[in-house]
């Protein structure tokens, strides 16, 4: 009898599905239209299959993971000219608080 320790029980992390799994599941769903068969065969959730089906346009690249980073800086972000000034000011005044730094 094997005992499962607390660490082993929760050590499994989320692993993203492979691209071949996504393409195969979507193609099978589009051929058969039997959603429960596809879910059981590929061990995926209905939400994942429907999301992949919506994204899939016939190419593997459409199912590649995409970045969630913004394409441009925040409007209130510091400018490139201000960043060296802030770093230099903080280097010369290491005991200053964030509130004081913001006020200066």
PDB file of N, CA and C in Angstrom:
ATOM      1  N   UNK A   1       0.849  -1.173   0.000  1.00  0.00           N
ATOM      2  CA  UNK A   1       0.000   0.000   0.000  1.00  0.00           C
ATOM      3  C   UNK A   1       0.897   1.240   0.000  1.00  0.00           C
ATOM      4  N   UNK A   2       0.675   2.114  -0.930  1.00  0.00           N
ATOM      5  CA  UNK A   2       1.503   3.314  -1.012  1.00  0.00           C
ATOM      6  C   UNK A   2       0.798   4.468  -0.309  1.00  0.00           C
ATOM      7  N   UNK A   3       1.574   5.177   0.456  1.00  0.00           N
ATOM      8  CA  UNK A   3       1.018   6.328   1.155  1.00  0.00           C
ATOM      9  C   UNK A   3       1.320   7.587   0.364  1.00  0.00           C
ATOM     10  N   UNK A   4       0.352   8.466   0.278  1.00  0.00           N
ATOM     11  CA  UNK A   4       0.528   9.739  -0.404  1.00  0.00           C
ATOM     12  C   UNK A   4       0.754  10.801   0.645  1.00  0.00           C
ATOM     13  N   UNK A   5       1.908  11.429   0.582  1.00  0.00           N
ATOM     14  CA  UNK A   5       2.186  12.493   1.534  1.00  0.00           C
ATOM     15  C   UNK A   5       1.510  13.774   1.082  1.00  0.00           C
ATOM     16  N   UNK A   6       1.468  14.724   1.953  1.00  0.00           N
ATOM     17  CA  UNK A   6       0.818  16.001   1.660  1.00  0.00           C
ATOM     18  C   UNK A   6       1.495  16.703   0.486  1.00  0.00           C
ATOM     19  N   UNK A   7       2.848  16.635   0.416  1.00  0.00           N
ATOM     20  CA  UNK A   7       3.574  17.301  -0.661  1.00  0.00           C
ATOM     21  C   UNK A   7       3.316  16.644  -2.003  1.00  0.00           C
ATOM     22  N   UNK A   8       3.249  15.324  -2.039  1.00  0.00           N
ATOM     23  CA  UNK A   8       2.997  14.624  -3.293  1.00  0.00           C
ATOM     24  C   UNK A   8       1.583  14.876  -3.788  1.00  0.00           C
ATOM     25  N   UNK A   9       0.664  15.023  -2.884  1.00  0.00           N
ATOM     26  CA  UNK A   9      -0.736  15.198  -3.258  1.00  0.00           C
ATOM     27  C   UNK A   9      -0.941  16.494  -4.027  1.00  0.00           C
ATOM     28  N   UNK A  10      -0.254  17.566  -3.633  1.00  0.00           N
ATOM     29  CA  UNK A  10      -0.463  18.867  -4.244  1.00  0.00           C
ATOM     30  C   UNK A  10       0.701  19.316  -5.125  1.00  0.00           C
ATOM     31  N   UNK A  11       1.638  18.414  -5.424  1.00  0.00           N
ATOM     32  CA  UNK A  11       2.811  18.824  -6.182  1.00  0.00           C
ATOM     33  C   UNK A  11       2.544  18.927  -7.681  1.00  0.00           C
ATOM     34  N   UNK A  12       1.451  18.359  -8.171  1.00  0.00           N
ATOM     35  CA  UNK A  12       1.173  18.417  -9.606  1.00  0.00           C
ATOM     36  C   UNK A  12       0.743  19.833  -9.987  1.00  0.00           C
ATOM     37  N   UNK A  13       1.417  20.382 -10.979  1.00  0.00           N
ATOM     38  CA  UNK A  13       1.124  21.732 -11.442  1.00  0.00           C
ATOM     39  C   UNK A  13       0.412  21.673 -12.777  1.00  0.00           C
ATOM     40  N   UNK A  14      -0.163  22.795 -13.167  1.00  0.00           N
ATOM     41  CA  UNK A  14      -0.822  22.880 -14.455  1.00  0.00           C
ATOM     42  C   UNK A  14       0.211  22.819 -15.569  1.00  0.00           C
ATOM     43  N   UNK A  15       0.017  21.941 -16.514  1.00  0.00           N
ATOM     44  CA  UNK A  15       0.868  21.866 -17.692  1.00  0.00           C
ATOM     45  C   UNK A  15       0.024  22.233 -18.905  1.00  0.00           C
ATOM     46  N   UNK A  16       0.439  23.195 -19.701  1.00  0.00           N
ATOM     47  CA  UNK A  16      -0.360  23.578 -20.859  1.00  0.00           C
ATOM     48  C   UNK A  16      -0.428  22.441 -21.870  1.00  0.00           C
ATOM     49  N   UNK A  17      -1.535  22.366 -22.566  1.00  0.00           N
ATOM     50  CA  UNK A  17      -1.716  21.326 -23.572  1.00  0.00           C
ATOM     51  C   UNK A  17      -0.785  21.571 -24.746  1.00  0.00           C
ATOM     52  N   UNK A  18      -0.355  20.486 -25.351  1.00  0.00           N
ATOM     53  CA  UNK A  18       0.508  20.597 -26.517  1.00  0.00           C
ATOM     54  C   UNK A  18      -0.309  21.057 -27.718  1.00  0.00           C
ATOM     55  N   UNK A  19       0.372  21.622 -28.675  1.00  0.00           N
ATOM     56  CA  UNK A  19      -0.281  22.133 -29.868  1.00  0.00           C
ATOM     57  C   UNK A  19      -0.956  21.011 -30.657  1.00  0.00           C
ATOM     58  N   UNK A  20      -0.315  19.849 -30.699  1.00  0.00           N
ATOM     59  CA  UNK A  20      -0.904  18.717 -31.432  1.00  0.00           C
ATOM     60  C   UNK A  20      -2.212  18.261 -30.783  1.00  0.00           C
ATOM     61  N   UNK A  21      -2.286  18.345 -29.460  1.00  0.00           N
ATOM     62  CA  UNK A  21      -3.509  17.988 -28.755  1.00  0.00           C
ATOM     63  C   UNK A  21      -4.634  18.950 -29.115  1.00  0.00           C
ATOM     64  N   UNK A  22      -4.321  20.232 -29.150  1.00  0.00           N
ATOM     65  CA  UNK A  22      -5.335  21.233 -29.483  1.00  0.00           C
ATOM     66  C   UNK A  22      -5.864  21.039 -30.897  1.00  0.00           C
ATOM     67  N   UNK A  23      -4.951  20.886 -31.848  1.00  0.00           N
ATOM     68  CA  UNK A  23      -5.355  20.730 -33.249  1.00  0.00           C
ATOM     69  C   UNK A  23      -6.156  19.446 -33.439  1.00  0.00           C
ATOM     70  N   UNK A  24      -5.684  18.350 -32.841  1.00  0.00           N
ATOM     71  CA  UNK A  24      -6.389  17.075 -32.966  1.00  0.00           C
ATOM     72  C   UNK A  24      -7.779  17.124 -32.368  1.00  0.00           C
ATOM     73  N   UNK A  25      -7.915  17.746 -31.212  1.00  0.00           N
ATOM     74  CA  UNK A  25      -9.223  17.838 -30.561  1.00  0.00           C
ATOM     75  C   UNK A  25     -10.195  18.675 -31.385  1.00  0.00           C
ATOM     76  N   UNK A  26      -9.727  19.788 -31.911  1.00  0.00           N
ATOM     77  CA  UNK A  26     -10.606  20.660 -32.711  1.00  0.00           C
ATOM     78  C   UNK A  26     -11.007  19.971 -34.011  1.00  0.00           C
ATOM     79  N   UNK A  27     -10.047  19.325 -34.672  1.00  0.00           N
ATOM     80  CA  UNK A  27     -10.379  18.630 -35.922  1.00  0.00           C
ATOM     81  C   UNK A  27     -11.370  17.500 -35.692  1.00  0.00           C
ATOM     82  N   UNK A  28     -11.179  16.725 -34.611  1.00  0.00           N
ATOM     83  CA  UNK A  28     -12.103  15.641 -34.298  1.00  0.00           C
ATOM     84  C   UNK A  28     -13.487  16.185 -33.963  1.00  0.00           C
ATOM     85  N   UNK A  29     -13.543  17.264 -33.221  1.00  0.00           N
ATOM     86  CA  UNK A  29     -14.840  17.868 -32.887  1.00  0.00           C
ATOM     87  C   UNK A  29     -15.554  18.365 -34.144  1.00  0.00           C
ATOM     88  N   UNK A  30     -14.809  18.977 -35.061  1.00  0.00           N
ATOM     89  CA  UNK A  30     -15.436  19.482 -36.284  1.00  0.00           C
ATOM     90  C   UNK A  30     -15.892  18.355 -37.204  1.00  0.00           C
ATOM     91  N   UNK A  31     -15.226  17.189 -37.134  1.00  0.00           N
ATOM     92  CA  UNK A  31     -15.646  16.046 -37.949  1.00  0.00           C
ATOM     93  C   UNK A  31     -16.879  15.367 -37.366  1.00  0.00           C
ATOM     94  N   UNK A  32     -16.829  15.081 -36.064  1.00  0.00           N
ATOM     95  CA  UNK A  32     -17.872  14.250 -35.454  1.00  0.00           C
ATOM     96  C   UNK A  32     -19.007  15.047 -34.830  1.00  0.00           C
ATOM     97  N   UNK A  33     -18.739  16.256 -34.378  1.00  0.00           N
ATOM     98  CA  UNK A  33     -19.706  17.077 -33.635  1.00  0.00           C
ATOM     99  C   UNK A  33     -20.188  16.399 -32.356  1.00  0.00           C
ATOM    100  N   UNK A  34     -19.438  15.394 -31.882  1.00  0.00           N
ATOM    101  CA  UNK A  34     -19.758  14.712 -30.627  1.00  0.00           C
ATOM    102  C   UNK A  34     -18.818  15.244 -29.555  1.00  0.00           C
ATOM    103  N   UNK A  35     -19.282  16.234 -28.818  1.00  0.00           N
ATOM    104  CA  UNK A  35     -18.410  16.940 -27.878  1.00  0.00           C
ATOM    105  C   UNK A  35     -17.955  16.048 -26.733  1.00  0.00           C
ATOM    106  N   UNK A  36     -18.838  15.202 -26.224  1.00  0.00           N
ATOM    107  CA  UNK A  36     -18.480  14.376 -25.070  1.00  0.00           C
ATOM    108  C   UNK A  36     -17.428  13.330 -25.437  1.00  0.00           C
ATOM    109  N   UNK A  37     -17.488  12.814 -26.661  1.00  0.00           N
ATOM    110  CA  UNK A  37     -16.478  11.865 -27.127  1.00  0.00           C
ATOM    111  C   UNK A  37     -15.105  12.529 -27.162  1.00  0.00           C
ATOM    112  N   UNK A  38     -15.036  13.745 -27.667  1.00  0.00           N
ATOM    113  CA  UNK A  38     -13.764  14.471 -27.765  1.00  0.00           C
ATOM    114  C   UNK A  38     -13.230  14.790 -26.371  1.00  0.00           C
ATOM    115  N   UNK A  39     -14.102  15.206 -25.474  1.00  0.00           N
ATOM    116  CA  UNK A  39     -13.671  15.544 -24.110  1.00  0.00           C
ATOM    117  C   UNK A  39     -13.091  14.329 -23.399  1.00  0.00           C
ATOM    118  N   UNK A  40     -13.733  13.182 -23.546  1.00  0.00           N
ATOM    119  CA  UNK A  40     -13.224  11.967 -22.906  1.00  0.00           C
ATOM    120  C   UNK A  40     -11.916  11.504 -23.543  1.00  0.00           C
ATOM    121  N   UNK A  41     -11.837  11.605 -24.853  1.00  0.00           N
ATOM    122  CA  UNK A  41     -10.658  11.093 -25.550  1.00  0.00           C
ATOM    123  C   UNK A  41      -9.400  11.911 -25.248  1.00  0.00           C
ATOM    124  N   UNK A  42      -9.538  13.227 -25.201  1.00  0.00           N
ATOM    125  CA  UNK A  42      -8.377  14.088 -24.994  1.00  0.00           C
ATOM    126  C   UNK A  42      -8.217  14.559 -23.546  1.00  0.00           C
ATOM    127  N   UNK A  43      -9.134  14.207 -22.660  1.00  0.00           N
ATOM    128  CA  UNK A  43      -9.083  14.598 -21.245  1.00  0.00           C
ATOM    129  C   UNK A  43      -8.961  16.120 -21.101  1.00  0.00           C
ATOM    130  N   UNK A  44      -9.877  16.837 -21.725  1.00  0.00           N
ATOM    131  CA  UNK A  44      -9.884  18.294 -21.677  1.00  0.00           C
ATOM    132  C   UNK A  44     -11.251  18.763 -21.213  1.00  0.00           C
ATOM    133  N   UNK A  45     -11.359  20.029 -20.890  1.00  0.00           N
ATOM    134  CA  UNK A  45     -12.640  20.576 -20.461  1.00  0.00           C
ATOM    135  C   UNK A  45     -13.404  21.109 -21.668  1.00  0.00           C
ATOM    136  N   UNK A  46     -14.690  21.260 -21.486  1.00  0.00           N
ATOM    137  CA  UNK A  46     -15.543  21.776 -22.561  1.00  0.00           C
ATOM    138  C   UNK A  46     -15.165  23.214 -22.890  1.00  0.00           C
ATOM    139  N   UNK A  47     -14.841  23.995 -21.871  1.00  0.00           N
ATOM    140  CA  UNK A  47     -14.468  25.394 -22.089  1.00  0.00           C
ATOM    141  C   UNK A  47     -13.206  25.497 -22.938  1.00  0.00           C
ATOM    142  N   UNK A  48     -12.233  24.632 -22.677  1.00  0.00           N
ATOM    143  CA  UNK A  48     -10.996  24.660 -23.469  1.00  0.00           C
ATOM    144  C   UNK A  48     -11.275  24.318 -24.920  1.00  0.00           C
ATOM    145  N   UNK A  49     -12.070  23.274 -25.136  1.00  0.00           N
ATOM    146  CA  UNK A  49     -12.383  22.864 -26.509  1.00  0.00           C
ATOM    147  C   UNK A  49     -13.121  23.964 -27.257  1.00  0.00           C
ATOM    148  N   UNK A  50     -14.082  24.590 -26.613  1.00  0.00           N
ATOM    149  CA  UNK A  50     -14.840  25.651 -27.281  1.00  0.00           C
ATOM    150  C   UNK A  50     -13.964  26.868 -27.568  1.00  0.00           C
ATOM    151  N   UNK A  51     -13.036  27.194 -26.661  1.00  0.00           N
ATOM    152  CA  UNK A  51     -12.117  28.306 -26.884  1.00  0.00           C
ATOM    153  C   UNK A  51     -11.189  28.008 -28.053  1.00  0.00           C
ATOM    154  N   UNK A  52     -10.650  26.786 -28.092  1.00  0.00           N
ATOM    155  CA  UNK A  52      -9.764  26.410 -29.193  1.00  0.00           C
ATOM    156  C   UNK A  52     -10.514  26.393 -30.512  1.00  0.00           C
ATOM    157  N   UNK A  53     -11.754  25.918 -30.503  1.00  0.00           N
ATOM    158  CA  UNK A  53     -12.554  25.864 -31.729  1.00  0.00           C
ATOM    159  C   UNK A  53     -12.811  27.270 -32.262  1.00  0.00           C
ATOM    160  N   UNK A  54     -13.039  28.200 -31.369  1.00  0.00           N
ATOM    161  CA  UNK A  54     -13.280  29.584 -31.774  1.00  0.00           C
ATOM    162  C   UNK A  54     -12.009  30.216 -32.348  1.00  0.00           C
ATOM    163  N   UNK A  55     -10.849  29.899 -31.767  1.00  0.00           N
ATOM    164  CA  UNK A  55      -9.577  30.477 -32.208  1.00  0.00           C
ATOM    165  C   UNK A  55      -9.061  29.849 -33.498  1.00  0.00           C
ATOM    166  N   UNK A  56      -9.400  28.578 -33.738  1.00  0.00           N
ATOM    167  CA  UNK A  56      -8.790  27.817 -34.824  1.00  0.00           C
ATOM    168  C   UNK A  56      -9.291  28.294 -36.181  1.00  0.00           C
ATOM    169  N   UNK A  57      -8.338  28.665 -37.065  1.00  0.00           N
ATOM    170  CA  UNK A  57      -8.712  29.103 -38.408  1.00  0.00           C
ATOM    171  C   UNK A  57      -8.113  28.198 -39.478  1.00  0.00           C
ATOM    172  N   UNK A  58      -7.642  27.013 -39.089  1.00  0.00           N
ATOM    173  CA  UNK A  58      -7.071  26.078 -40.037  1.00  0.00           C
ATOM    174  C   UNK A  58      -5.565  25.991 -39.962  1.00  0.00           C
ATOM    175  N   UNK A  59      -4.924  26.902 -39.252  1.00  0.00           N
ATOM    176  CA  UNK A  59      -3.472  26.877 -39.112  1.00  0.00           C
ATOM    177  C   UNK A  59      -3.099  26.593 -37.659  1.00  0.00           C
ATOM    178  N   UNK A  60      -1.953  25.954 -37.473  1.00  0.00           N
ATOM    179  CA  UNK A  60      -1.483  25.653 -36.116  1.00  0.00           C
ATOM    180  C   UNK A  60      -1.118  26.926 -35.362  1.00  0.00           C
ATOM    181  N   UNK A  61      -0.681  27.943 -36.096  1.00  0.00           N
ATOM    182  CA  UNK A  61      -0.255  29.198 -35.456  1.00  0.00           C
ATOM    183  C   UNK A  61      -1.413  29.886 -34.728  1.00  0.00           C
ATOM    184  N   UNK A  62      -2.645  29.635 -35.163  1.00  0.00           N
ATOM    185  CA  UNK A  62      -3.782  30.288 -34.516  1.00  0.00           C
ATOM    186  C   UNK A  62      -4.006  29.769 -33.101  1.00  0.00           C
ATOM    187  N   UNK A  63      -3.504  28.570 -32.798  1.00  0.00           N
ATOM    188  CA  UNK A  63      -3.669  27.997 -31.457  1.00  0.00           C
ATOM    189  C   UNK A  63      -2.440  28.171 -30.584  1.00  0.00           C
ATOM    190  N   UNK A  64      -1.416  28.857 -31.076  1.00  0.00           N
ATOM    191  CA  UNK A  64      -0.226  29.120 -30.272  1.00  0.00           C
ATOM    192  C   UNK A  64      -0.580  30.090 -29.152  1.00  0.00           C
ATOM    193  N   UNK A  65       0.047  29.938 -27.974  1.00  0.00           N
ATOM    194  CA  UNK A  65      -0.231  30.885 -26.893  1.00  0.00           C
ATOM    195  C   UNK A  65       0.248  32.283 -27.263  1.00  0.00           C
ATOM    196  N   UNK A  66      -0.570  33.267 -26.941  1.00  0.00           N
ATOM    197  CA  UNK A  66      -0.248  34.652 -27.278  1.00  0.00           C
ATOM    198  C   UNK A  66       0.094  35.429 -26.004  1.00  0.00           C
ATOM    199  N   UNK A  67       0.866  36.472 -26.162  1.00  0.00           N
ATOM    200  CA  UNK A  67       1.300  37.279 -25.034  1.00  0.00           C
ATOM    201  C   UNK A  67       0.141  38.125 -24.508  1.00  0.00           C
ATOM    202  N   UNK A  68       0.133  38.337 -23.190  1.00  0.00           N
ATOM    203  CA  UNK A  68      -0.875  39.189 -22.564  1.00  0.00           C
ATOM    204  C   UNK A  68      -0.299  40.533 -22.157  1.00  0.00           C
ATOM    205  N   UNK A  69       0.948  40.782 -22.565  1.00  0.00           N
ATOM    206  CA  UNK A  69       1.570  42.057 -22.218  1.00  0.00           C
ATOM    207  C   UNK A  69       0.953  43.175 -23.039  1.00  0.00           C
ATOM    208  N   UNK A  70       0.811  44.340 -22.468  1.00  0.00           N
ATOM    209  CA  UNK A  70       0.300  45.464 -23.244  1.00  0.00           C
ATOM    210  C   UNK A  70       1.277  45.867 -24.348  1.00  0.00           C
ATOM    211  N   UNK A  71       0.760  46.398 -25.427  1.00  0.00           N
ATOM    212  CA  UNK A  71       1.595  46.772 -26.560  1.00  0.00           C
ATOM    213  C   UNK A  71       2.240  48.141 -26.387  1.00  0.00           C
ATOM    214  N   UNK A  72       1.778  48.907 -25.447  1.00  0.00           N
ATOM    215  CA  UNK A  72       2.376  50.226 -25.218  1.00  0.00           C
ATOM    216  C   UNK A  72       2.414  50.495 -23.716  1.00  0.00           C
ATOM    217  N   UNK A  73       3.187  51.517 -23.344  1.00  0.00           N
ATOM    218  CA  UNK A  73       3.329  51.837 -21.924  1.00  0.00           C
ATOM    219  C   UNK A  73       2.048  52.451 -21.376  1.00  0.00           C
ATOM    220  N   UNK A  74       1.930  52.369 -20.056  1.00  0.00           N
ATOM    221  CA  UNK A  74       0.823  53.005 -19.370  1.00  0.00           C
ATOM    222  C   UNK A  74       0.945  54.516 -19.546  1.00  0.00           C
ATOM    223  N   UNK A  75      -0.176  55.231 -19.698  1.00  0.00           N
ATOM    224  CA  UNK A  75      -0.090  56.683 -19.898  1.00  0.00           C
ATOM    225  C   UNK A  75       0.588  57.434 -18.758  1.00  0.00           C
ATOM    226  N   UNK A  76       0.533  56.906 -17.541  1.00  0.00           N
ATOM    227  CA  UNK A  76       1.150  57.580 -16.399  1.00  0.00           C
ATOM    228  C   UNK A  76       2.553  57.069 -16.087  1.00  0.00           C
ATOM    229  N   UNK A  77       3.120  56.237 -16.940  1.00  0.00           N
ATOM    230  CA  UNK A  77       4.455  55.694 -16.693  1.00  0.00           C
ATOM    231  C   UNK A  77       5.503  56.788 -16.824  1.00  0.00           C
ATOM    232  N   UNK A  78       6.610  56.601 -16.112  1.00  0.00           N
ATOM    233  CA  UNK A  78       7.703  57.577 -16.172  1.00  0.00           C
ATOM    234  C   UNK A  78       8.319  57.563 -17.565  1.00  0.00           C
ATOM    235  N   UNK A  79       8.789  58.711 -17.997  1.00  0.00           N
ATOM    236  CA  UNK A  79       9.452  58.816 -19.288  1.00  0.00           C
ATOM    237  C   UNK A  79      10.882  58.299 -19.176  1.00  0.00           C
ATOM    238  N   UNK A  80      11.514  58.069 -20.316  1.00  0.00           N
ATOM    239  CA  UNK A  80      12.895  57.591 -20.319  1.00  0.00           C
ATOM    240  C   UNK A  80      13.855  58.633 -19.743  1.00  0.00           C
ATOM    241  N   UNK A  81      13.524  59.921 -19.876  1.00  0.00           N
ATOM    242  CA  UNK A  81      14.388  60.957 -19.311  1.00  0.00           C
ATOM    243  C   UNK A  81      14.284  61.004 -17.788  1.00  0.00           C
ATOM    244  N   UNK A  82      13.111  60.690 -17.243  1.00  0.00           N
ATOM    245  CA  UNK A  82      12.897  60.794 -15.804  1.00  0.00           C
ATOM    246  C   UNK A  82      13.486  59.610 -15.032  1.00  0.00           C
ATOM    247  N   UNK A  83      13.555  58.438 -15.647  1.00  0.00           N
ATOM    248  CA  UNK A  83      14.034  57.251 -14.927  1.00  0.00           C
ATOM    249  C   UNK A  83      15.473  57.390 -14.417  1.00  0.00           C
ATOM    250  N   UNK A  84      16.434  57.872 -15.209  1.00  0.00           N
ATOM    251  CA  UNK A  84      17.788  58.047 -14.646  1.00  0.00           C
ATOM    252  C   UNK A  84      17.830  59.077 -13.521  1.00  0.00           C
ATOM    253  N   UNK A  85      17.021  60.113 -13.609  1.00  0.00           N
ATOM    254  CA  UNK A  85      16.975  61.122 -12.553  1.00  0.00           C
ATOM    255  C   UNK A  85      16.468  60.495 -11.252  1.00  0.00           C
ATOM    256  N   UNK A  86      15.431  59.657 -11.351  1.00  0.00           N
ATOM    257  CA  UNK A  86      14.858  59.015 -10.158  1.00  0.00           C
ATOM    258  C   UNK A  86      15.873  58.056  -9.536  1.00  0.00           C
ATOM    259  N   UNK A  87      16.527  57.252 -10.374  1.00  0.00           N
ATOM    260  CA  UNK A  87      17.534  56.313  -9.861  1.00  0.00           C
ATOM    261  C   UNK A  87      18.680  57.053  -9.177  1.00  0.00           C
ATOM    262  N   UNK A  88      19.136  58.120  -9.785  1.00  0.00           N
ATOM    263  CA  UNK A  88      20.233  58.900  -9.225  1.00  0.00           C
ATOM    264  C   UNK A  88      19.823  59.546  -7.907  1.00  0.00           C
ATOM    265  N   UNK A  89      18.619  60.085  -7.841  1.00  0.00           N
ATOM    266  CA  UNK A  89      18.129  60.719  -6.618  1.00  0.00           C
ATOM    267  C   UNK A  89      18.020  59.690  -5.491  1.00  0.00           C
ATOM    268  N   UNK A  90      17.520  58.497  -5.825  1.00  0.00           N
ATOM    269  CA  UNK A  90      17.377  57.451  -4.818  1.00  0.00           C
ATOM    270  C   UNK A  90      18.751  56.931  -4.368  1.00  0.00           C
ATOM    271  N   UNK A  91      19.723  56.887  -5.271  1.00  0.00           N
ATOM    272  CA  UNK A  91      21.078  56.464  -4.918  1.00  0.00           C
ATOM    273  C   UNK A  91      21.726  57.462  -3.953  1.00  0.00           C
ATOM    274  N   UNK A  92      21.478  58.766  -4.178  1.00  0.00           N
ATOM    275  CA  UNK A  92      22.075  59.793  -3.317  1.00  0.00           C
ATOM    276  C   UNK A  92      21.356  59.914  -1.981  1.00  0.00           C
ATOM    277  N   UNK A  93      20.090  59.487  -1.903  1.00  0.00           N
ATOM    278  CA  UNK A  93      19.292  59.567  -0.677  1.00  0.00           C
ATOM    279  C   UNK A  93      18.723  58.186  -0.348  1.00  0.00           C
ATOM    280  N   UNK A  94      19.522  57.238   0.146  1.00  0.00           N
ATOM    281  CA  UNK A  94      19.031  55.873   0.354  1.00  0.00           C
ATOM    282  C   UNK A  94      18.023  55.732   1.488  1.00  0.00           C
ATOM    283  N   UNK A  95      17.965  56.693   2.413  1.00  0.00           N
ATOM    284  CA  UNK A  95      17.047  56.567   3.546  1.00  0.00           C
ATOM    285  C   UNK A  95      15.710  57.243   3.288  1.00  0.00           C
ATOM    286  N   UNK A  96      15.530  57.805   2.129  1.00  0.00           N
ATOM    287  CA  UNK A  96      14.292  58.523   1.834  1.00  0.00           C
ATOM    288  C   UNK A  96      13.140  57.524   1.648  1.00  0.00           C
ATOM    289  N   UNK A  97      11.949  57.908   2.095  1.00  0.00           N
ATOM    290  CA  UNK A  97      10.799  57.030   1.936  1.00  0.00           C
ATOM    291  C   UNK A  97      10.194  57.212   0.539  1.00  0.00           C
ATOM    292  N   UNK A  98       9.334  56.296   0.188  1.00  0.00           N
ATOM    293  CA  UNK A  98       8.680  56.355  -1.125  1.00  0.00           C
ATOM    294  C   UNK A  98       7.810  57.601  -1.226  1.00  0.00           C
ATOM    295  N   UNK A  99       7.123  57.949  -0.139  1.00  0.00           N
ATOM    296  CA  UNK A  99       6.273  59.159  -0.149  1.00  0.00           C
ATOM    297  C   UNK A  99       7.095  60.423  -0.365  1.00  0.00           C
ATOM    298  N   UNK A 100       8.236  60.501   0.299  1.00  0.00           N
ATOM    299  CA  UNK A 100       9.111  61.665   0.118  1.00  0.00           C
ATOM    300  C   UNK A 100       9.671  61.718  -1.303  1.00  0.00           C
ATOM    301  N   UNK A 101      10.046  60.550  -1.822  1.00  0.00           N
ATOM    302  CA  UNK A 101      10.564  60.476  -3.175  1.00  0.00           C
ATOM    303  C   UNK A 101       9.503  60.934  -4.178  1.00  0.00           C
ATOM    304  N   UNK A 102       8.280  60.491  -3.972  1.00  0.00           N
ATOM    305  CA  UNK A 102       7.180  60.876  -4.852  1.00  0.00           C
ATOM    306  C   UNK A 102       6.950  62.388  -4.784  1.00  0.00           C
ATOM    307  N   UNK A 103       7.057  62.961  -3.581  1.00  0.00           N
ATOM    308  CA  UNK A 103       6.859  64.397  -3.422  1.00  0.00           C
ATOM    309  C   UNK A 103       7.946  65.225  -4.078  1.00  0.00           C
ATOM    310  N   UNK A 104       9.175  64.700  -4.089  1.00  0.00           N
ATOM    311  CA  UNK A 104      10.278  65.438  -4.707  1.00  0.00           C
ATOM    312  C   UNK A 104      10.128  65.412  -6.210  1.00  0.00           C
TER     313      UNK A 104
END
